[in-house]
Amino acid sequence: MLSGAKGFSWIDSGYLTYLGETLVTDGVAISLITSGDVDTVRVSLAAP
C-alpha cells in the first residue's frame, strides 16, 4: 500500500501507467497527462 493512500490498497507501486491512460476506482479518475522528468496527473470525479 502506498503511504497515505488509504482505501487504495490495490495500487501496486511498481505499476506502469502510460501517457493518456486513466485509472478509475471508487468514483475517482486518475489520468497521466504528461510524462518526463516530472509527471503530471489529473485527479477528478469519475463519470457515473
Protein backbone atom coordinates (compact mmCIF):
# COMPACT_ATOMS: atom_id res chain seq x y z
CA MET A 1 0.00 0.00 0.00
CA LEU A 2 1.28 3.46 -0.83
CA SER A 3 1.96 5.70 2.13
CA GLY A 4 -1.01 8.00 2.75
CA ALA A 5 -3.18 6.26 0.14
CA LYS A 6 -5.94 4.94 2.40
CA GLY A 7 -8.54 2.92 0.53
CA PHE A 8 -6.23 2.32 -2.42
CA SER A 9 -4.69 -0.96 -1.29
CA TRP A 10 -4.96 -2.33 -4.85
CA ILE A 11 -2.37 0.14 -6.19
CA ASP A 12 0.96 -1.54 -6.91
CA SER A 13 3.80 0.97 -6.52
CA GLY A 14 5.51 -0.76 -9.47
CA TYR A 15 2.50 -0.34 -11.79
CA LEU A 16 3.21 1.42 -15.09
CA THR A 17 0.75 3.97 -16.40
CA TYR A 18 1.03 5.12 -20.00
CA LEU A 19 0.56 8.66 -21.29
CA GLY A 20 -3.16 9.32 -21.75
CA GLU A 21 -4.20 6.33 -19.63
CA THR A 22 -6.86 6.80 -16.93
CA LEU A 23 -7.29 4.58 -13.87
CA VAL A 24 -10.71 4.60 -12.19
CA THR A 25 -11.56 3.34 -8.71
CA ASP A 26 -14.15 4.20 -6.09
CA GLY A 27 -15.54 7.08 -8.18
CA VAL A 28 -12.13 8.71 -8.70
CA ALA A 29 -10.37 9.00 -12.07
CA ILE A 30 -6.58 9.39 -12.19
CA SER A 31 -5.12 10.33 -15.60
CA LEU A 32 -1.49 10.65 -16.69
CA ILE A 33 -1.35 13.97 -18.59
CA THR A 34 2.41 14.42 -19.22
CA SER A 35 5.41 12.24 -18.56
CA GLY A 36 9.10 13.00 -18.36
CA ASP A 37 11.42 14.17 -15.59
CA VAL A 38 8.27 15.37 -13.83
CA ASP A 39 4.93 13.63 -14.37
CA THR A 40 1.60 15.46 -14.30
CA VAL A 41 -1.61 13.69 -13.28
CA ARG A 42 -5.21 14.82 -13.15
CA VAL A 43 -7.41 13.58 -10.31
CA SER A 44 -11.14 14.05 -10.75
CA LEU A 45 -14.53 12.52 -10.04
CA ALA A 46 -15.26 9.67 -12.42
CA ALA A 47 -18.30 9.98 -14.67
CA PRO A 48 -21.17 7.83 -13.34
